[in-house]
Amino acid sequence: MFQLDFKSGVPICDQIVNGIIKLKSLGVLKSGEQLPSVRALASKFSVNPNTVQKSYAMLEANGIIYSVKGKGSFLSDDDRAANAVLNSARISFLTAAHSAYDLGLCAEEMINIIKENFAIKEDGSK
């Protein structure tokens, strides 16, 4: 699964949402796979079940999971789920870029950081 950081300042429900999205995007969780029950996940992380329920509701609203009455929550296999994962990554990236800009990094410096971290050469090859 994934870890929660109670000291990060990021709301726990957002960390759960992002954790599940990350596991899906990495292929650890597969489409159609059942997620742990709300109670089981709340117990695993020692958080309030309402927090997990809110996370699952956010995931369902974005088409990443779907619920089956009496059965549980499952990962969606439609294109909307894949797009939601990519959109979440874009939002996270933009949030980080805005924060870096607010702290004084210019666009050129951010681009250089990205190139250095992904070893992208000037011609675009890796």
N, C-alpha and C. Protein backbone atom coordinates (compact mmCIF):
# COMPACT_ATOMS: atom_id res chain seq x y z
N MET A 1 0.84 -1.18 0.00
CA MET A 1 0.00 0.00 0.00
C MET A 1 0.89 1.25 0.00
N PHE A 2 0.52 2.27 0.68
CA PHE A 2 1.27 3.52 0.74
C PHE A 2 1.29 3.99 2.19
N GLN A 3 2.07 5.02 2.44
CA GLN A 3 2.22 5.55 3.79
C GLN A 3 1.55 6.91 3.89
N LEU A 4 1.06 7.23 5.07
CA LEU A 4 0.53 8.57 5.34
C LEU A 4 1.55 9.32 6.17
N ASP A 5 1.65 10.61 5.90
CA ASP A 5 2.55 11.47 6.65
C ASP A 5 1.70 12.46 7.44
N PHE A 6 1.54 12.18 8.72
CA PHE A 6 0.67 13.00 9.56
C PHE A 6 1.26 14.38 9.86
N LYS A 7 2.54 14.59 9.53
CA LYS A 7 3.20 15.85 9.79
C LYS A 7 3.34 16.73 8.55
N SER A 8 2.89 16.25 7.42
CA SER A 8 3.14 16.94 6.15
C SER A 8 2.31 18.20 5.95
N GLY A 9 1.19 18.31 6.62
CA GLY A 9 0.30 19.44 6.39
C GLY A 9 -0.70 19.18 5.28
N VAL A 10 -0.51 18.09 4.53
CA VAL A 10 -1.46 17.71 3.48
C VAL A 10 -2.59 16.94 4.16
N PRO A 11 -3.85 17.32 3.91
CA PRO A 11 -4.96 16.61 4.54
C PRO A 11 -4.89 15.09 4.29
N ILE A 12 -5.25 14.33 5.31
CA ILE A 12 -5.16 12.87 5.25
C ILE A 12 -6.01 12.34 4.10
N CYS A 13 -7.22 12.89 3.90
CA CYS A 13 -8.06 12.38 2.81
C CYS A 13 -7.40 12.60 1.46
N ASP A 14 -6.69 13.71 1.29
CA ASP A 14 -5.97 13.96 0.04
C ASP A 14 -4.80 12.99 -0.13
N GLN A 15 -4.14 12.67 0.98
CA GLN A 15 -3.03 11.71 0.91
C GLN A 15 -3.55 10.32 0.50
N ILE A 16 -4.72 9.94 1.00
CA ILE A 16 -5.30 8.65 0.64
C ILE A 16 -5.66 8.65 -0.85
N VAL A 17 -6.31 9.72 -1.31
CA VAL A 17 -6.67 9.84 -2.72
C VAL A 17 -5.42 9.74 -3.59
N ASN A 18 -4.40 10.54 -3.26
CA ASN A 18 -3.17 10.55 -4.05
C ASN A 18 -2.45 9.20 -3.99
N GLY A 19 -2.50 8.55 -2.84
CA GLY A 19 -1.86 7.24 -2.72
C GLY A 19 -2.50 6.21 -3.62
N ILE A 20 -3.82 6.19 -3.66
CA ILE A 20 -4.53 5.23 -4.51
C ILE A 20 -4.30 5.56 -5.98
N ILE A 21 -4.33 6.85 -6.32
CA ILE A 21 -4.06 7.26 -7.71
C ILE A 21 -2.65 6.84 -8.11
N LYS A 22 -1.70 7.05 -7.23
CA LYS A 22 -0.31 6.68 -7.54
C LYS A 22 -0.18 5.17 -7.74
N LEU A 23 -0.79 4.38 -6.86
CA LEU A 23 -0.71 2.93 -7.00
C LEU A 23 -1.36 2.47 -8.31
N LYS A 24 -2.44 3.13 -8.71
CA LYS A 24 -3.09 2.78 -9.99
C LYS A 24 -2.19 3.17 -11.16
N SER A 25 -1.60 4.36 -11.10
CA SER A 25 -0.77 4.81 -12.22
C SER A 25 0.50 3.97 -12.35
N LEU A 26 1.00 3.44 -11.23
CA LEU A 26 2.19 2.57 -11.27
C LEU A 26 1.86 1.14 -11.65
N GLY A 27 0.56 0.82 -11.72
CA GLY A 27 0.15 -0.53 -12.07
C GLY A 27 0.13 -1.49 -10.90
N VAL A 28 0.35 -0.99 -9.69
CA VAL A 28 0.29 -1.84 -8.50
C VAL A 28 -1.15 -2.29 -8.28
N LEU A 29 -2.07 -1.36 -8.47
CA LEU A 29 -3.50 -1.68 -8.41
C LEU A 29 -4.02 -1.74 -9.84
N LYS A 30 -4.75 -2.77 -10.16
CA LYS A 30 -5.25 -2.99 -11.52
C LYS A 30 -6.73 -2.61 -11.63
N SER A 31 -7.15 -2.27 -12.82
CA SER A 31 -8.55 -1.97 -13.07
C SER A 31 -9.41 -3.15 -12.66
N GLY A 32 -10.52 -2.87 -12.00
CA GLY A 32 -11.43 -3.90 -11.53
C GLY A 32 -11.07 -4.48 -10.17
N GLU A 33 -9.89 -4.14 -9.67
CA GLU A 33 -9.45 -4.66 -8.38
C GLU A 33 -10.23 -4.01 -7.24
N GLN A 34 -10.57 -4.83 -6.24
CA GLN A 34 -11.32 -4.31 -5.10
C GLN A 34 -10.39 -3.61 -4.12
N LEU A 35 -10.82 -2.45 -3.65
CA LEU A 35 -10.08 -1.70 -2.64
C LEU A 35 -10.44 -2.24 -1.26
N PRO A 36 -9.58 -2.00 -0.28
CA PRO A 36 -9.94 -2.39 1.08
C PRO A 36 -11.22 -1.66 1.51
N SER A 37 -11.97 -2.27 2.42
CA SER A 37 -13.16 -1.61 2.93
C SER A 37 -12.77 -0.34 3.67
N VAL A 38 -13.73 0.54 3.85
CA VAL A 38 -13.48 1.78 4.57
C VAL A 38 -12.95 1.48 5.96
N ARG A 39 -13.59 0.55 6.65
CA ARG A 39 -13.16 0.20 8.01
C ARG A 39 -11.76 -0.39 8.02
N ALA A 40 -11.47 -1.26 7.07
CA ALA A 40 -10.15 -1.90 7.03
C ALA A 40 -9.04 -0.87 6.79
N LEU A 41 -9.27 0.04 5.85
CA LEU A 41 -8.26 1.06 5.55
C LEU A 41 -8.11 2.04 6.72
N ALA A 42 -9.23 2.40 7.33
CA ALA A 42 -9.19 3.30 8.49
C ALA A 42 -8.40 2.65 9.62
N SER A 43 -8.62 1.37 9.82
CA SER A 43 -7.90 0.63 10.87
C SER A 43 -6.42 0.53 10.54
N LYS A 44 -6.09 0.25 9.29
CA LYS A 44 -4.69 0.12 8.88
C LYS A 44 -3.92 1.41 9.13
N PHE A 45 -4.53 2.55 8.83
CA PHE A 45 -3.86 3.84 8.97
C PHE A 45 -4.16 4.54 10.30
N SER A 46 -5.01 3.94 11.12
CA SER A 46 -5.42 4.53 12.40
C SER A 46 -6.01 5.92 12.19
N VAL A 47 -6.95 6.00 11.26
CA VAL A 47 -7.65 7.26 10.99
C VAL A 47 -9.15 7.03 11.13
N ASN A 48 -9.89 8.11 11.18
CA ASN A 48 -11.33 8.05 11.29
C ASN A 48 -11.92 7.45 10.00
N PRO A 49 -12.86 6.51 10.11
CA PRO A 49 -13.49 5.95 8.90
C PRO A 49 -14.13 7.01 8.01
N ASN A 50 -14.61 8.11 8.62
CA ASN A 50 -15.20 9.19 7.81
C ASN A 50 -14.18 9.80 6.87
N THR A 51 -12.92 9.83 7.27
CA THR A 51 -11.84 10.36 6.43
C THR A 51 -11.66 9.46 5.21
N VAL A 52 -11.64 8.16 5.42
CA VAL A 52 -11.50 7.21 4.31
C VAL A 52 -12.73 7.28 3.42
N GLN A 53 -13.91 7.38 4.02
CA GLN A 53 -15.14 7.48 3.24
C GLN A 53 -15.11 8.72 2.35
N LYS A 54 -14.62 9.83 2.88
CA LYS A 54 -14.51 11.07 2.10
C LYS A 54 -13.54 10.87 0.93
N SER A 55 -12.42 10.19 1.18
CA SER A 55 -11.45 9.91 0.12
C SER A 55 -12.07 9.06 -0.97
N TYR A 56 -12.79 8.01 -0.57
CA TYR A 56 -13.44 7.15 -1.55
C TYR A 56 -14.48 7.93 -2.35
N ALA A 57 -15.20 8.84 -1.69
CA ALA A 57 -16.20 9.66 -2.39
C ALA A 57 -15.52 10.56 -3.42
N MET A 58 -14.37 11.12 -3.07
CA MET A 58 -13.62 11.97 -4.01
C MET A 58 -13.15 11.14 -5.20
N LEU A 59 -12.65 9.94 -4.94
CA LEU A 59 -12.18 9.06 -6.02
C LEU A 59 -13.34 8.66 -6.93
N GLU A 60 -14.49 8.39 -6.33
CA GLU A 60 -15.65 7.99 -7.12
C GLU A 60 -16.16 9.16 -7.96
N ALA A 61 -16.15 10.36 -7.40
CA ALA A 61 -16.60 11.54 -8.14
C ALA A 61 -15.73 11.80 -9.36
N ASN A 62 -14.46 11.41 -9.29
CA ASN A 62 -13.54 11.60 -10.41
C ASN A 62 -13.48 10.39 -11.34
N GLY A 63 -14.30 9.39 -11.08
CA GLY A 63 -14.35 8.23 -11.96
C GLY A 63 -13.21 7.26 -11.80
N ILE A 64 -12.44 7.37 -10.72
CA ILE A 64 -11.29 6.50 -10.51
C ILE A 64 -11.74 5.18 -9.89
N ILE A 65 -12.77 5.23 -9.06
CA ILE A 65 -13.33 4.01 -8.49
C ILE A 65 -14.83 4.02 -8.68
N TYR A 66 -15.45 2.87 -8.47
CA TYR A 66 -16.90 2.78 -8.45
C TYR A 66 -17.29 1.85 -7.31
N SER A 67 -18.48 2.06 -6.79
CA SER A 67 -18.96 1.26 -5.68
C SER A 67 -20.07 0.33 -6.13
N VAL A 68 -20.08 -0.86 -5.54
CA VAL A 68 -21.14 -1.81 -5.77
C VAL A 68 -21.79 -2.07 -4.41
N LYS A 69 -23.06 -1.78 -4.32
CA LYS A 69 -23.79 -1.91 -3.05
C LYS A 69 -23.61 -3.31 -2.48
N GLY A 70 -23.14 -3.38 -1.26
CA GLY A 70 -22.96 -4.65 -0.57
C GLY A 70 -21.69 -5.40 -0.94
N LYS A 71 -20.93 -4.90 -1.91
CA LYS A 71 -19.71 -5.57 -2.37
C LYS A 71 -18.45 -4.79 -2.04
N GLY A 72 -18.51 -3.45 -2.17
CA GLY A 72 -17.34 -2.63 -1.89
C GLY A 72 -17.01 -1.69 -3.02
N SER A 73 -15.78 -1.18 -2.99
CA SER A 73 -15.29 -0.23 -3.99
C SER A 73 -14.24 -0.90 -4.87
N PHE A 74 -14.29 -0.59 -6.16
CA PHE A 74 -13.41 -1.20 -7.14
C PHE A 74 -12.78 -0.12 -8.01
N LEU A 75 -11.59 -0.40 -8.53
CA LEU A 75 -10.94 0.52 -9.44
C LEU A 75 -11.62 0.47 -10.79
N SER A 76 -11.87 1.63 -11.34
CA SER A 76 -12.53 1.74 -12.62
C SER A 76 -11.57 1.34 -13.74
N ASP A 77 -12.12 0.89 -14.84
CA ASP A 77 -11.28 0.52 -15.97
C ASP A 77 -11.57 1.39 -17.19
N ASP A 78 -12.30 2.48 -16.99
CA ASP A 78 -12.62 3.31 -18.15
C ASP A 78 -11.57 4.40 -18.36
N ASP A 79 -11.65 5.06 -19.50
CA ASP A 79 -10.70 6.11 -19.86
C ASP A 79 -10.74 7.29 -18.91
N ARG A 80 -11.91 7.52 -18.31
CA ARG A 80 -12.04 8.63 -17.36
C ARG A 80 -11.09 8.46 -16.18
N ALA A 81 -10.91 7.23 -15.74
CA ALA A 81 -10.01 6.96 -14.61
C ALA A 81 -8.57 7.28 -15.00
N ALA A 82 -8.16 6.85 -16.18
CA ALA A 82 -6.80 7.13 -16.63
C ALA A 82 -6.59 8.63 -16.78
N ASN A 83 -7.57 9.32 -17.31
CA ASN A 83 -7.48 10.77 -17.45
C ASN A 83 -7.44 11.46 -16.10
N ALA A 84 -8.18 10.93 -15.13
CA ALA A 84 -8.18 11.51 -13.79
C ALA A 84 -6.80 11.38 -13.15
N VAL A 85 -6.14 10.25 -13.39
CA VAL A 85 -4.80 10.05 -12.85
C VAL A 85 -3.84 11.08 -13.44
N LEU A 86 -3.89 11.25 -14.75
CA LEU A 86 -3.02 12.23 -15.41
C LEU A 86 -3.36 13.65 -14.97
N ASN A 87 -4.63 13.94 -14.83
CA ASN A 87 -5.04 15.27 -14.39
C ASN A 87 -4.54 15.55 -12.97
N SER A 88 -4.59 14.55 -12.12
CA SER A 88 -4.09 14.71 -10.76
C SER A 88 -2.60 15.02 -10.77
N ALA A 89 -1.86 14.34 -11.64
CA ALA A 89 -0.42 14.60 -11.76
C ALA A 89 -0.18 16.02 -12.24
N ARG A 90 -0.96 16.47 -13.21
CA ARG A 90 -0.81 17.83 -13.72
C ARG A 90 -1.08 18.87 -12.62
N ILE A 91 -2.14 18.64 -11.86
CA ILE A 91 -2.49 19.58 -10.79
C ILE A 91 -1.38 19.63 -9.74
N SER A 92 -0.86 18.45 -9.37
CA SER A 92 0.24 18.41 -8.39
C SER A 92 1.46 19.15 -8.92
N PHE A 93 1.77 18.95 -10.19
CA PHE A 93 2.93 19.61 -10.80
C PHE A 93 2.73 21.12 -10.82
N LEU A 94 1.55 21.57 -11.24
CA LEU A 94 1.28 23.00 -11.31
C LEU A 94 1.32 23.64 -9.92
N THR A 95 0.80 22.96 -8.93
CA THR A 95 0.85 23.47 -7.56
C THR A 95 2.28 23.66 -7.11
N ALA A 96 3.12 22.66 -7.38
CA ALA A 96 4.54 22.75 -7.01
C ALA A 96 5.23 23.87 -7.79
N ALA A 97 4.92 24.01 -9.07
CA ALA A 97 5.54 25.05 -9.88
C ALA A 97 5.15 26.45 -9.39
N HIS A 98 3.88 26.62 -9.04
CA HIS A 98 3.43 27.91 -8.51
C HIS A 98 4.12 28.22 -7.18
N SER A 99 4.25 27.22 -6.33
CA SER A 99 4.94 27.42 -5.05
C SER A 99 6.40 27.81 -5.27
N ALA A 100 7.06 27.13 -6.21
CA ALA A 100 8.46 27.44 -6.51
C ALA A 100 8.58 28.86 -7.06
N TYR A 101 7.66 29.25 -7.92
CA TYR A 101 7.67 30.61 -8.48
C TYR A 101 7.48 31.64 -7.37
N ASP A 102 6.54 31.37 -6.47
CA ASP A 102 6.29 32.29 -5.36
C ASP A 102 7.50 32.43 -4.45
N LEU A 103 8.34 31.38 -4.41
CA LEU A 103 9.54 31.41 -3.57
C LEU A 103 10.75 31.99 -4.31
N GLY A 104 10.56 32.38 -5.57
CA GLY A 104 11.62 33.07 -6.27
C GLY A 104 12.27 32.35 -7.44
N LEU A 105 11.86 31.13 -7.75
CA LEU A 105 12.43 30.44 -8.91
C LEU A 105 11.75 30.94 -10.18
N CYS A 106 12.55 31.24 -11.19
CA CYS A 106 11.97 31.66 -12.46
C CYS A 106 11.70 30.41 -13.31
N ALA A 107 10.97 30.61 -14.39
CA ALA A 107 10.59 29.49 -15.26
C ALA A 107 11.82 28.77 -15.81
N GLU A 108 12.83 29.52 -16.21
CA GLU A 108 14.05 28.91 -16.77
C GLU A 108 14.74 28.02 -15.74
N GLU A 109 14.79 28.46 -14.49
CA GLU A 109 15.41 27.64 -13.44
C GLU A 109 14.62 26.36 -13.22
N MET A 110 13.30 26.46 -13.25
CA MET A 110 12.47 25.26 -13.06
C MET A 110 12.66 24.28 -14.22
N ILE A 111 12.75 24.80 -15.43
CA ILE A 111 12.96 23.93 -16.59
C ILE A 111 14.31 23.23 -16.47
N ASN A 112 15.34 23.95 -16.03
CA ASN A 112 16.66 23.33 -15.84
C ASN A 112 16.62 22.24 -14.78
N ILE A 113 15.88 22.47 -13.71
CA ILE A 113 15.74 21.45 -12.66
C ILE A 113 15.08 20.20 -13.23
N ILE A 114 14.05 20.40 -14.02
CA ILE A 114 13.35 19.25 -14.63
C ILE A 114 14.29 18.50 -15.56
N LYS A 115 15.01 19.23 -16.40
CA LYS A 115 15.94 18.58 -17.33
C LYS A 115 17.01 17.81 -16.58
N GLU A 116 17.55 18.40 -15.52
CA GLU A 116 18.58 17.71 -14.74
C GLU A 116 18.05 16.45 -14.09
N ASN A 117 16.83 16.51 -13.57
CA ASN A 117 16.26 15.37 -12.87
C ASN A 117 15.81 14.25 -13.79
N PHE A 118 15.53 14.58 -15.02
CA PHE A 118 15.10 13.56 -15.97
C PHE A 118 16.12 13.32 -17.06
N ALA A 119 17.28 13.92 -16.90
CA ALA A 119 18.39 13.74 -17.84
C ALA A 119 17.95 13.97 -19.29
N ILE A 120 17.22 15.03 -19.51
CA ILE A 120 16.77 15.36 -20.86
C ILE A 120 17.83 16.24 -21.52
N LYS A 121 18.29 15.81 -22.66
CA LYS A 121 19.29 16.57 -23.41
C LYS A 121 18.61 17.64 -24.24
N GLU A 122 19.38 18.55 -24.74
CA GLU A 122 18.84 19.66 -25.53
C GLU A 122 18.07 19.18 -26.76
N ASP A 123 18.47 18.04 -27.32
CA ASP A 123 17.78 17.55 -28.52
C ASP A 123 16.49 16.80 -28.18
N GLY A 124 16.19 16.69 -26.89
CA GLY A 124 14.93 16.05 -26.45
C GLY A 124 15.06 14.58 -26.17
N SER A 125 16.22 13.97 -26.46
CA SER A 125 16.35 12.53 -26.16
C SER A 125 16.72 12.34 -24.70
N LYS A 126 16.49 11.13 -24.21
CA LYS A 126 16.78 10.82 -22.80
C LYS A 126 18.19 10.33 -22.64
